[in-house]
Structures are given as structure tokens and as C-alpha cells.
């Protein structure tokens, strides 16, 4: 009985310590101009041409599991191995979202880009990725060139400009708070601290 009570007290002390952890403006996060989102959300702005985004993927997947309805990803067009390819990649990601294949497509693109070091620098190479996941060439061409996919890609680029996204990966909480990853460099538990910071910012 004494052991159980001691364990309970220790657990409560740990919980209190975690809850008391503080994160500071301009060190751990930055407050953005403009209105907050209507619903709680966490958006990762990323690029398939970004090595840091590739390395961030395990953390992104953990955040997606923790916040299944709030966590989203938005591709940015800034990085590009050839003129226009960043925009084409954003359009491809918009199509992957429309087809509910973003996870399979993302894994294949990142694997080819950084695991196999084979740059995806043409639209045909993008099409090959979709075909590998079961999308026909006809469905790719039709979807990729559709008004809805192009509009969604333009919206992602506009959102990145509005949020002044200058690097990737970038996490924005509730459309209002930009996580400053460098502020967490000394963390012993990066994922845990990011989650705690996100929770606190979501509730501001």
C-alpha cells in the first residue's frame, strides 16, 4: 500500500512539473499578425525538396497521431531543383490530398529524393510516383490539371506567403503562433516539449 501511495505521489509530482514548464515568446514561439484560426489546428509547412523536412517526418507523424483532427501539412513552392518544379510539387501534393493518398505519395517522394538520392525534377517523374501507388496515368493527368487541384495548390502558396514562411519545416499553431524550433535545441525530449508547447498555445 505504501509503495502505491509513493508511486502516486511521484506521478503527481512529475505531472505538476510538466504542467509547470514554461515556453516563452520570441524564444520558443513567435506571435504572428492576423486573426487566429476558427478551430484549433497545427500546420506543418514543408517541402519535398527539404532535407530537414525529411528528417522531421518521424516527429510530424507523432504529431499527426496526437492531434488527428488538428494536424495538417501544407507544401510550399519555394525550393525547386528546376524553375517551376516547386510549384509543380505543390500541385502534386494537392492532388495526393484529393485522392487521400498523401501518406503513400509523401513516403515515396521523400524516399526517392533523399533515401535513393534521385531528384524528382520533371512532371513525368511525379507521374511515375503516383502510378507506383496505384493511380492510373489518365487519372493523374486529369486530376493534376483539374481546376480544384490547381486552386488548392494556389491556396497553399498564398497561405505560406500570408504567414511569411521563409524556411521549412515550420509549425504554426492556431494560425497565430509560429514555433521556433531553435528554441528547443537543448531539449532532452523534443517531441514531448513540442507537444506541451502546442497544447499551451492551443489553449491561449
Protein backbone atom coordinates (compact mmCIF):
# COMPACT_ATOMS: atom_id res chain seq x y z
CA UNK A 1 0.00 0.00 0.00
CA UNK A 2 2.84 2.34 0.92
CA UNK A 3 4.51 1.58 -2.41
CA UNK A 4 1.34 2.50 -4.31
CA UNK A 5 0.96 5.76 -2.40
CA UNK A 6 4.60 6.64 -3.02
CA UNK A 7 4.23 5.88 -6.73
CA UNK A 8 1.09 8.01 -6.91
CA UNK A 9 2.83 10.94 -5.21
CA UNK A 10 5.78 10.65 -7.61
CA UNK A 11 3.45 10.58 -10.60
CA UNK A 12 1.62 13.65 -9.37
CA UNK A 13 4.89 15.48 -8.80
CA UNK A 14 6.05 14.62 -12.34
CA UNK A 15 2.74 15.77 -13.81
CA UNK A 16 2.95 19.03 -11.88
CA UNK A 17 6.47 19.60 -13.14
CA UNK A 18 5.41 19.00 -16.73
CA UNK A 19 2.42 21.31 -16.46
CA UNK A 20 4.59 23.99 -14.87
CA UNK A 21 7.05 24.00 -17.75
CA UNK A 22 7.00 27.38 -19.42
CA UNK A 23 7.61 28.42 -23.01
CA UNK A 24 8.46 31.99 -23.90
CA UNK A 25 7.56 34.34 -26.73
CA UNK A 26 10.47 35.04 -29.10
CA UNK A 27 12.37 32.07 -27.65
CA UNK A 28 10.03 29.13 -28.22
CA UNK A 29 7.35 30.76 -30.34
CA UNK A 30 6.55 33.94 -32.23
CA UNK A 31 3.17 35.67 -32.34
CA UNK A 32 2.01 36.35 -35.90
CA UNK A 33 -0.08 39.23 -37.14
CA UNK A 34 -3.58 38.46 -38.28
CA UNK A 35 -6.51 36.55 -36.83
CA UNK A 36 -6.30 33.13 -35.22
CA UNK A 37 -7.91 30.14 -36.90
CA UNK A 38 -11.54 29.43 -36.02
CA UNK A 39 -10.71 25.87 -34.91
CA UNK A 40 -7.56 24.60 -33.15
CA UNK A 41 -5.01 23.44 -35.67
CA UNK A 42 -1.32 22.69 -36.13
CA UNK A 43 0.02 23.13 -39.66
CA UNK A 44 3.44 21.97 -40.79
CA UNK A 45 4.68 23.96 -43.79
CA UNK A 46 7.14 21.73 -45.63
CA UNK A 47 8.80 20.98 -48.95
CA UNK A 48 9.61 17.66 -50.56
CA UNK A 49 12.91 19.23 -51.61
CA UNK A 50 13.86 19.98 -47.99
CA UNK A 51 16.23 17.57 -46.23
CA UNK A 52 15.25 18.95 -42.82
CA UNK A 53 11.60 18.16 -43.63
CA UNK A 54 12.59 14.59 -44.49
CA UNK A 55 14.34 14.27 -41.13
CA UNK A 56 11.36 15.88 -39.39
CA UNK A 57 8.95 13.23 -40.73
CA UNK A 58 9.02 10.97 -37.61
CA UNK A 59 8.08 13.98 -35.47
CA UNK A 60 5.37 15.01 -37.95
CA UNK A 61 3.89 11.51 -37.80
CA UNK A 62 3.89 11.63 -33.99
CA UNK A 63 2.10 14.98 -34.04
CA UNK A 64 -0.43 13.60 -36.53
CA UNK A 65 -1.18 10.72 -34.14
CA UNK A 66 -1.51 13.09 -31.17
CA UNK A 67 -3.69 15.62 -33.00
CA UNK A 68 -5.53 13.56 -35.65
CA UNK A 69 -8.16 16.19 -36.37
CA UNK A 70 -5.97 19.27 -35.89
CA UNK A 71 -2.65 18.38 -37.56
CA UNK A 72 -2.28 19.24 -41.25
CA UNK A 73 0.55 19.66 -43.72
CA UNK A 74 0.93 22.32 -46.39
CA UNK A 75 3.51 22.14 -49.17
CA UNK A 76 5.46 25.27 -50.08
CA UNK A 77 6.86 26.02 -53.55
CA UNK A 78 9.97 27.97 -52.56
CA UNK A 79 12.54 25.18 -53.01
CA UNK A 80 12.97 23.92 -56.56
CA UNK A 81 15.69 21.95 -58.39
CA UNK A 82 14.47 23.47 -61.67
CA UNK A 83 12.37 26.55 -62.42
CA UNK A 84 8.72 25.82 -61.70
CA UNK A 85 9.22 22.41 -60.08
CA UNK A 86 8.44 23.68 -56.59
CA UNK A 87 5.03 24.80 -57.82
CA UNK A 88 4.53 21.50 -59.68
CA UNK A 89 5.34 19.61 -56.50
CA UNK A 90 2.79 21.67 -54.55
CA UNK A 91 0.22 20.82 -57.21
CA UNK A 92 1.14 17.14 -56.91
CA UNK A 93 0.67 17.27 -53.15
CA UNK A 94 -2.72 18.92 -53.64
CA UNK A 95 -3.67 16.00 -55.90
CA UNK A 96 -2.40 13.49 -53.32
CA UNK A 97 -4.65 15.13 -50.72
CA UNK A 98 -7.63 14.99 -53.06
CA UNK A 99 -7.03 11.27 -53.66
CA UNK A 100 -6.45 10.55 -49.93
CA UNK A 101 -3.02 9.19 -50.83
CA UNK A 102 -0.88 11.88 -49.21
CA UNK A 103 0.88 9.45 -46.85
CA UNK A 104 1.82 6.90 -49.52
CA UNK A 105 2.82 9.60 -52.00
CA UNK A 106 4.83 11.52 -49.40
CA UNK A 107 6.77 8.45 -48.29
CA UNK A 108 7.68 7.55 -51.88
CA UNK A 109 8.74 11.08 -52.79
CA UNK A 110 10.91 11.51 -49.70
CA UNK A 111 12.43 8.05 -50.14
CA UNK A 112 13.35 8.72 -53.76
CA UNK A 113 14.59 12.25 -53.08
CA UNK A 114 16.75 11.54 -50.04
CA UNK A 115 16.87 7.78 -49.46
CA UNK A 116 17.78 6.93 -53.06
CA UNK A 117 19.13 10.40 -53.94
CA UNK A 118 17.15 10.50 -57.20
CA UNK A 119 15.82 14.00 -57.73
CA UNK A 120 12.21 14.29 -58.85
CA UNK A 121 12.71 17.17 -61.25
CA UNK A 122 10.14 16.60 -64.01
CA UNK A 123 6.38 16.18 -64.15
CA UNK A 124 6.82 12.73 -65.66
CA UNK A 125 8.80 11.62 -62.61
CA UNK A 126 5.97 12.91 -60.44
CA UNK A 127 3.52 10.92 -62.51
CA UNK A 128 5.62 7.78 -62.02
CA UNK A 129 5.32 8.19 -58.23
CA UNK A 130 1.52 8.31 -58.48
CA UNK A 131 1.44 5.29 -60.80
CA UNK A 132 3.51 3.36 -58.24
CA UNK A 133 0.76 3.96 -55.67
CA UNK A 134 -2.00 2.68 -57.94
CA UNK A 135 -3.10 5.87 -59.71
CA UNK A 136 -3.51 5.44 -63.47
CA UNK A 137 -1.71 7.80 -65.84
CA UNK A 138 -5.09 9.04 -67.06
CA UNK A 139 -6.32 9.78 -63.54
CA UNK A 140 -3.07 11.57 -62.73
CA UNK A 141 -3.26 13.77 -65.83
CA UNK A 142 -6.93 14.53 -65.30
CA UNK A 143 -6.57 15.26 -61.58
CA UNK A 144 -3.27 17.12 -61.81
CA UNK A 145 -4.64 19.54 -64.37
CA UNK A 146 -8.05 19.95 -62.74
CA UNK A 147 -9.30 23.33 -61.56
CA UNK A 148 -9.81 22.12 -57.98
CA UNK A 149 -6.25 20.81 -57.62
CA UNK A 150 -4.71 23.96 -59.11
CA UNK A 151 -6.88 26.11 -56.85
CA UNK A 152 -5.83 24.15 -53.77
CA UNK A 153 -2.16 24.50 -54.72
CA UNK A 154 -2.55 28.25 -55.19
CA UNK A 155 -4.23 28.47 -51.78
CA UNK A 156 -1.32 26.65 -50.12
CA UNK A 157 1.14 29.09 -51.68
CA UNK A 158 -0.98 32.07 -50.67
CA UNK A 159 -1.24 30.79 -47.12
CA UNK A 160 2.55 30.38 -46.93
CA UNK A 161 3.01 33.96 -48.16
CA UNK A 162 0.43 35.29 -45.72
CA UNK A 163 2.21 33.52 -42.85
CA UNK A 164 5.60 34.74 -44.12
CA UNK A 165 7.02 31.21 -44.28
CA UNK A 166 10.70 31.64 -45.12
CA UNK A 167 12.01 28.21 -44.12
CA UNK A 168 10.87 24.63 -43.71
CA UNK A 169 9.76 22.78 -41.72
CA UNK A 170 7.70 25.41 -39.89
CA UNK A 171 4.92 24.69 -37.41
CA UNK A 172 2.09 27.20 -36.96
CA UNK A 173 -0.41 26.72 -34.12
CA UNK A 174 -3.96 28.12 -34.45
CA UNK A 175 -2.80 30.30 -37.33
CA UNK A 176 -1.29 32.63 -34.73
CA UNK A 177 1.81 31.10 -33.15
CA UNK A 178 4.95 30.12 -35.03
CA UNK A 179 7.03 27.50 -33.22
CA UNK A 180 10.72 28.46 -33.10
CA UNK A 181 12.45 25.09 -33.38
CA UNK A 182 15.85 26.54 -32.42
CA UNK A 183 14.38 27.34 -29.00
CA UNK A 184 14.05 23.60 -28.36
CA UNK A 185 17.60 22.62 -29.30
CA UNK A 186 18.55 21.99 -25.67
CA UNK A 187 15.54 19.77 -25.02
CA UNK A 188 16.02 16.26 -23.66
CA UNK A 189 12.61 15.32 -25.07
CA UNK A 190 11.97 17.30 -28.25
CA UNK A 191 8.71 15.60 -29.18
CA UNK A 192 7.35 15.85 -25.65
CA UNK A 193 8.30 19.51 -25.32
CA UNK A 194 6.83 20.34 -28.74
CA UNK A 195 3.56 18.66 -27.75
CA UNK A 196 3.45 20.53 -24.46
CA UNK A 197 4.16 23.86 -26.16
CA UNK A 198 1.49 23.16 -28.77
CA UNK A 199 -1.03 22.31 -26.06
CA UNK A 200 -0.33 25.55 -24.23
CA UNK A 201 -0.54 27.63 -27.40
CA UNK A 202 -3.75 25.92 -28.48
CA UNK A 203 -5.32 26.97 -25.20
CA UNK A 204 -4.18 30.62 -25.28
